[in-house]
Protein backbone atom coordinates (compact mmCIF):
# COMPACT_ATOMS: atom_id res chain seq x y z
CA MET A 1 20.33 7.52 -6.83
CA ASN A 2 16.83 8.21 -6.26
CA THR A 3 16.50 8.62 -2.48
CA HIS A 4 12.62 7.67 -2.42
CA ALA A 5 13.52 4.30 -3.85
CA ALA A 6 16.58 3.67 -1.93
CA PHE A 7 14.57 4.24 1.26
CA VAL A 8 11.74 2.18 0.01
CA ARG A 9 14.43 -0.79 -0.79
CA ARG A 10 15.97 -0.37 2.60
CA VAL A 11 12.71 -0.79 4.53
CA THR A 12 11.39 -3.62 2.43
CA TRP A 13 14.91 -5.66 2.66
CA VAL A 14 14.44 -5.66 6.54
CA GLY A 15 10.95 -6.94 6.15
CA PHE A 16 11.83 -9.54 3.55
CA GLY A 17 14.47 -10.87 6.09
CA ALA A 18 11.97 -11.19 8.83
CA ASN A 19 9.59 -12.78 6.59
CA ILE A 20 11.73 -15.51 5.50
CA ILE A 21 12.83 -16.32 8.82
CA LEU A 22 9.15 -16.25 10.03
CA THR A 23 8.12 -18.49 7.17
CA CYS A 24 10.31 -21.02 8.02
CA ILE A 25 9.69 -21.15 11.63
CA LYS A 26 5.81 -21.21 11.08
CA PHE A 27 5.80 -24.10 8.44
CA SER A 28 8.24 -26.33 10.72
CA ALA A 29 6.16 -25.55 13.83
CA GLY A 30 2.82 -26.04 11.88
CA ILE A 31 4.05 -29.42 10.57
CA PHE A 32 5.66 -30.58 13.78
CA GLY A 33 3.18 -28.98 16.07
CA GLN A 34 0.38 -30.55 13.97
CA SER A 35 -1.47 -27.16 13.28
CA GLN A 36 -3.50 -26.62 9.92
CA ALA A 37 -3.83 -22.98 10.85
CA LEU A 38 -0.39 -22.21 11.51
CA VAL A 39 0.85 -23.68 8.10
CA ALA A 40 -1.97 -21.46 6.58
CA ASP A 41 -0.35 -18.61 8.39
CA ALA A 42 3.09 -19.51 7.03
CA VAL A 43 1.55 -19.51 3.52
CA HIS A 44 0.54 -15.97 4.34
CA SER A 45 4.03 -15.10 5.25
CA LEU A 46 5.47 -16.67 2.19
CA SER A 47 3.09 -14.41 0.31
CA ASP A 48 4.73 -11.45 1.98
CA THR A 49 8.20 -12.43 0.89
CA ILE A 50 6.92 -12.34 -2.81
CA THR A 51 5.38 -8.73 -2.37
CA ASP A 52 8.51 -7.61 -0.81
CA LEU A 53 10.50 -8.97 -3.71
CA ALA A 54 7.70 -7.16 -6.04
CA VAL A 55 8.33 -3.87 -4.07
CA ILE A 56 12.30 -3.97 -4.17
CA LEU A 57 12.34 -4.97 -7.85
CA GLY A 58 9.58 -2.43 -8.82
CA SER A 59 11.64 0.44 -6.96
CA PHE A 60 14.58 0.09 -9.42
CA PHE A 61 12.28 0.66 -12.49
CA TRP A 62 9.77 3.34 -11.00
CA SER A 63 12.76 5.52 -9.88
CA GLU A 64 14.06 5.80 -13.33
CA PRO A 65 13.88 9.52 -14.64
CA PRO A 66 11.58 10.59 -17.49
CA ASP A 67 12.57 9.78 -21.02
CA GLN A 68 11.27 10.23 -24.60
CA CYS A 69 8.82 7.46 -24.41
CA HIS A 70 7.84 8.27 -20.72
CA PRO A 71 7.85 12.00 -20.30
CA TYR A 72 6.09 11.63 -17.03
CA GLY A 73 8.52 9.05 -15.55
CA HIS A 74 7.73 5.57 -14.67
CA GLN A 75 5.99 6.10 -11.31
CA ARG A 76 2.91 4.25 -12.50
CA ILE A 77 5.10 1.04 -11.81
CA GLU A 78 4.55 1.63 -8.02
CA THR A 79 0.82 1.56 -8.56
CA ILE A 80 1.34 -1.74 -10.57
CA VAL A 81 3.39 -3.21 -7.72
CA THR A 82 0.69 -2.26 -5.41
CA MET A 83 -1.94 -3.91 -7.48
CA ALA A 84 0.24 -7.10 -7.56
CA ILE A 85 0.65 -7.28 -3.85
CA GLY A 86 -3.31 -7.05 -3.38
CA SER A 87 -3.55 -9.63 -6.15
CA VAL A 88 -1.26 -12.09 -4.24
CA LEU A 89 -3.01 -11.45 -1.05
CA PHE A 90 -6.29 -12.37 -2.75
CA MET A 91 -5.29 -15.42 -4.20
CA ALA A 92 -3.45 -16.65 -0.93
CA GLY A 93 -6.62 -15.74 0.90
CA ALA A 94 -8.94 -17.63 -1.42
CA GLY A 95 -6.70 -20.73 -1.41
CA ILE A 96 -6.34 -20.75 2.27
CA GLY A 97 -10.11 -20.51 2.74
CA TRP A 98 -10.88 -23.29 0.23
CA HIS A 99 -8.54 -25.77 2.07
CA ALA A 100 -10.18 -24.80 5.39
CA ILE A 101 -13.73 -25.25 4.15
CA THR A 102 -12.69 -28.74 2.65
CA THR A 103 -11.34 -29.84 5.94
CA LEU A 104 -13.73 -28.19 8.29
CA HIS A 105 -15.84 -31.66 8.90
CA GLN A 106 -13.03 -34.02 9.27
CA LYS A 107 -13.38 -36.10 12.24
CA SER A 108 -9.70 -37.18 12.56
CA VAL A 109 -7.43 -34.10 13.22
CA PRO A 110 -4.26 -34.14 14.90
CA THR A 111 -4.35 -31.74 18.17
CA PRO A 112 -1.87 -28.89 18.16
CA SER A 113 1.12 -28.56 20.34
CA SER A 114 2.46 -25.89 22.48
CA LEU A 115 5.27 -25.51 19.86
CA ALA A 116 2.70 -24.10 17.44
CA LEU A 117 1.10 -21.80 20.04
CA GLY A 118 4.25 -20.42 21.05
CA THR A 119 5.38 -19.69 17.49
CA THR A 120 2.28 -17.93 16.84
CA VAL A 121 2.75 -15.44 19.62
CA ILE A 122 6.24 -14.75 18.42
CA SER A 123 4.94 -14.11 14.80
CA LEU A 124 2.05 -11.77 16.05
CA VAL A 125 4.42 -9.58 18.03
CA THR A 126 7.25 -9.46 15.22
CA LYS A 127 4.68 -8.73 12.37
CA GLU A 128 3.09 -5.72 14.52
CA ILE A 129 6.52 -4.24 15.01
CA LEU A 130 7.28 -4.62 11.27
CA PHE A 131 3.81 -3.10 10.49
CA ARG A 132 4.44 0.01 12.59
CA TRP A 133 7.91 0.59 11.26
CA THR A 134 7.00 0.05 7.62
CA ASP A 135 3.73 2.10 7.85
CA ARG A 136 5.53 4.97 9.43
CA ALA A 137 8.14 4.89 6.54
CA GLY A 138 5.52 4.60 4.00
CA LYS A 139 3.91 7.77 5.21
CA LYS A 140 6.96 9.78 5.62
CA ILE A 141 7.82 9.48 1.91
CA ARG A 142 4.18 8.98 0.72
CA SER A 143 4.99 5.72 -0.88
CA THR A 144 1.60 3.68 -1.86
CA ALA A 145 3.67 0.46 -2.37
CA LEU A 146 5.38 0.71 0.93
CA SER A 147 2.19 1.36 2.87
CA ALA A 148 0.39 -1.51 1.00
CA ASN A 149 3.38 -3.68 2.02
CA ALA A 150 3.19 -2.49 5.57
CA TRP A 151 -0.50 -3.40 5.75
CA HIS A 152 0.38 -6.88 4.54
CA HIS A 153 2.56 -6.96 7.74
CA ARG A 154 -0.38 -6.05 9.79
CA LEU A 155 -2.72 -8.42 8.07
CA ASP A 156 -0.12 -11.31 9.12
CA ALA A 157 -0.36 -9.88 12.58
CA ILE A 158 -3.88 -9.81 12.70
CA SER A 159 -4.31 -13.08 11.09
CA SER A 160 -2.40 -14.61 14.03
CA ILE A 161 -5.11 -13.76 16.42
CA PRO A 162 -7.70 -16.25 15.30
CA VAL A 163 -4.84 -18.79 15.08
CA LEU A 164 -3.75 -18.22 18.46
CA ILE A 165 -7.48 -18.57 19.76
CA ALA A 166 -7.82 -21.71 17.58
CA LEU A 167 -4.84 -23.29 18.83
CA ALA A 168 -5.49 -22.66 22.48
CA GLY A 169 -9.06 -23.90 21.95
CA ALA A 170 -7.96 -27.26 20.21
CA MET A 171 -5.38 -27.78 22.96
CA LEU A 172 -7.97 -27.18 25.98
CA PHE A 173 -10.86 -28.96 23.99
CA PRO A 174 -9.34 -31.79 21.70
CA SER A 175 -12.94 -32.89 20.96
CA LEU A 176 -13.56 -29.62 19.00
CA THR A 177 -11.66 -30.92 15.93
CA PHE A 178 -13.01 -28.01 13.94
CA LEU A 179 -11.34 -25.16 15.61
CA ASP A 180 -7.98 -25.34 13.63
CA SER A 181 -9.80 -25.38 10.39
CA ALA A 182 -12.11 -22.57 11.60
CA GLY A 183 -9.13 -20.49 12.56
CA ALA A 184 -7.60 -20.94 9.10
CA LEU A 185 -10.93 -19.91 7.72
CA VAL A 186 -10.98 -16.76 9.76
CA VAL A 187 -7.28 -15.89 8.51
CA SER A 188 -8.58 -16.22 4.88
CA VAL A 189 -11.34 -13.70 5.40
CA PHE A 190 -8.77 -11.08 7.01
CA ILE A 191 -6.48 -11.78 3.91
CA ILE A 192 -9.29 -11.23 1.29
CA GLN A 193 -10.54 -8.10 2.94
CA ALA A 194 -7.13 -6.67 3.22
CA SER A 195 -6.36 -7.60 -0.62
CA VAL A 196 -9.56 -5.48 -1.46
CA LYS A 197 -8.59 -2.40 0.49
CA ILE A 198 -5.13 -2.54 -1.03
CA MET A 199 -6.32 -2.94 -4.84
CA VAL A 200 -9.38 -0.28 -4.68
CA PRO A 201 -6.86 2.87 -4.34
CA GLY A 202 -4.76 1.02 -6.81
CA PHE A 203 -7.64 0.87 -9.44
CA GLY A 204 -8.44 4.59 -8.68
CA GLU A 205 -4.76 5.56 -9.75
CA LEU A 206 -4.91 3.45 -13.08
CA LEU A 207 -8.31 4.94 -13.94
CA GLU A 208 -6.67 8.51 -13.30
CA LYS A 209 -8.60 9.30 -10.19
CA GLY A 210 -8.06 12.87 -9.05
CA ALA A 211 -7.05 14.31 -5.86
CA PRO A 212 -9.59 14.62 -3.01
CA GLU A 213 -11.78 17.86 -2.74
CA GLU A 214 -9.74 19.06 0.23
CA THR A 215 -6.44 18.95 -1.83
CA LEU A 216 -8.34 20.74 -4.66
CA ALA A 217 -9.68 23.42 -2.30
CA ALA A 218 -6.26 23.85 -0.77
CA ILE A 219 -4.76 24.35 -4.19
CA THR A 220 -7.39 26.79 -5.23
CA ALA A 221 -6.97 28.93 -2.02
CA LEU A 222 -3.24 29.13 -2.46
CA ILE A 223 -3.50 30.32 -6.24
CA MET A 224 -6.14 32.99 -5.10
CA THR A 225 -3.71 34.55 -2.69
CA HIS A 226 -1.74 36.03 -5.54
CA PRO A 227 -3.74 39.48 -6.17
CA GLU A 228 -2.87 39.25 -9.91
CA VAL A 229 -5.19 36.33 -10.31
CA ILE A 230 -8.86 37.01 -11.34
CA THR A 231 -10.00 33.43 -11.30
CA ILE A 232 -8.91 29.83 -12.17
CA HIS A 233 -10.99 26.98 -13.83
CA LYS A 234 -10.48 23.54 -15.36
CA LEU A 235 -8.31 22.53 -12.22
CA ARG A 236 -7.27 18.58 -12.93
CA THR A 237 -5.23 16.37 -11.01
CA ARG A 238 -3.85 12.88 -11.35
CA TYR A 239 -1.51 10.66 -9.27
CA LEU A 240 1.47 8.83 -10.81
CA GLY A 241 2.63 6.68 -7.84
CA ALA A 242 3.36 9.08 -4.95
CA ASN A 243 3.30 12.05 -7.02
CA LEU A 244 0.53 14.54 -7.96
CA TYR A 245 0.45 16.07 -11.17
CA ILE A 246 -1.91 19.20 -11.78
CA ASP A 247 -3.07 21.48 -14.45
CA PHE A 248 -5.44 24.52 -14.74
CA HIS A 249 -6.39 27.54 -16.47
CA LEU A 250 -5.26 30.71 -14.97
CA VAL A 251 -7.24 34.07 -15.71
CA LEU A 252 -5.39 37.14 -15.55
CA ASN A 253 -5.79 40.77 -16.59
CA LYS A 254 -5.92 40.94 -20.51
CA ARG A 255 -3.77 44.08 -20.35
CA LEU A 256 -0.83 42.28 -18.99
CA THR A 257 1.99 41.67 -21.48
CA ILE A 258 3.04 38.07 -22.38
CA GLN A 259 6.18 38.29 -20.21
CA LYS A 260 4.18 39.55 -17.48
CA GLY A 261 1.79 36.76 -17.44
CA HIS A 262 4.29 33.99 -17.76
CA ASP A 263 6.12 35.58 -14.76
CA ILE A 264 3.03 35.55 -12.50
CA ALA A 265 2.34 31.88 -13.70
CA GLU A 266 5.64 30.73 -13.00
CA ARG A 267 5.56 32.32 -9.37
CA ILE A 268 2.39 30.74 -8.76
CA LYS A 269 3.86 27.35 -10.02
CA ASN A 270 6.79 27.54 -7.60
CA ASP A 271 4.41 28.34 -4.72
CA ILE A 272 2.32 25.33 -5.32
CA LEU A 273 5.42 22.96 -5.67
CA SER A 274 6.92 24.34 -2.37
CA LYS A 275 3.82 24.59 -0.31
CA THR A 276 1.68 21.61 -1.64
CA PRO A 277 3.09 18.01 -0.37
CA GLY A 278 3.36 15.45 -3.09
CA VAL A 279 2.98 17.92 -6.00
CA ALA A 280 5.68 17.03 -8.74
CA ASP A 281 4.50 19.32 -11.47
CA ALA A 282 2.07 21.93 -12.47
CA VAL A 283 0.90 23.18 -15.92
CA ILE A 284 -0.41 26.49 -16.27
CA HIS A 285 -2.60 27.91 -19.22
CA VAL A 286 -3.01 31.56 -19.26
CA GLU A 287 -6.15 33.23 -20.46
CA PRO A 288 -6.91 36.73 -20.80
CA GLY A 289 -9.73 38.34 -18.70
CA ASN A 290 -11.44 41.46 -17.66
CA LEU A 291 -10.88 43.03 -13.92
CA PRO A 292 -13.79 42.65 -11.70
């Protein structure tokens, strides 16, 4: 079993269970506690369960080994899952925002109860704990899907803050009927902002965006520590999920035998794989050159 995918599933199952419970509690408290903002927050939590399932199901596919049709493996599925999470968030935020705007000027709005207020506090604390745990796990195994899902938890926690303020304000000042709708509108802005932050890196991966300059510099410096190397050029990188694939042209003394050049390239490749986190493979093209 792929340990990366198994770890992702284990972490995500915990979040899925918590999200199911929170969604049911929020919906119930929002309806019985007469809070539109809390019902909107419940919809956000429901979208969390959808993205949890996307991560769990996706991990079964992206962990499949390379085959004839997919020689680089199936890690791109992790990027697709990340994009799906961002898309679900965007649609949920837009829907909540539209509903909040259409009800913002309603004159007759029920005053939320303390049930809604207490539920929001519990949700905020729970989701912040889930974020910290999932984010730590995502960074540990360099999983973009897990990190994106962690930020989905964080956004659920952050979105509970304006809900909390709106509920407290509506309870203290019942005449301010717009507060609950305003809280839902603020939640929608947070959700849409998060969706964009999640999707932008995903677009970068789909468009074959390379590694950052500092990573390229570190790889180049590592290669040049080998005394046989004259220079390198055409260093290219691309990400497939959490894995980085690189290729470059390696210039060696033209008087070396083919076997010697191959041995040097193989040694450099092993050095890169063992000392550069996230690199899954390196393809090296050896070129003849003159010693300086």
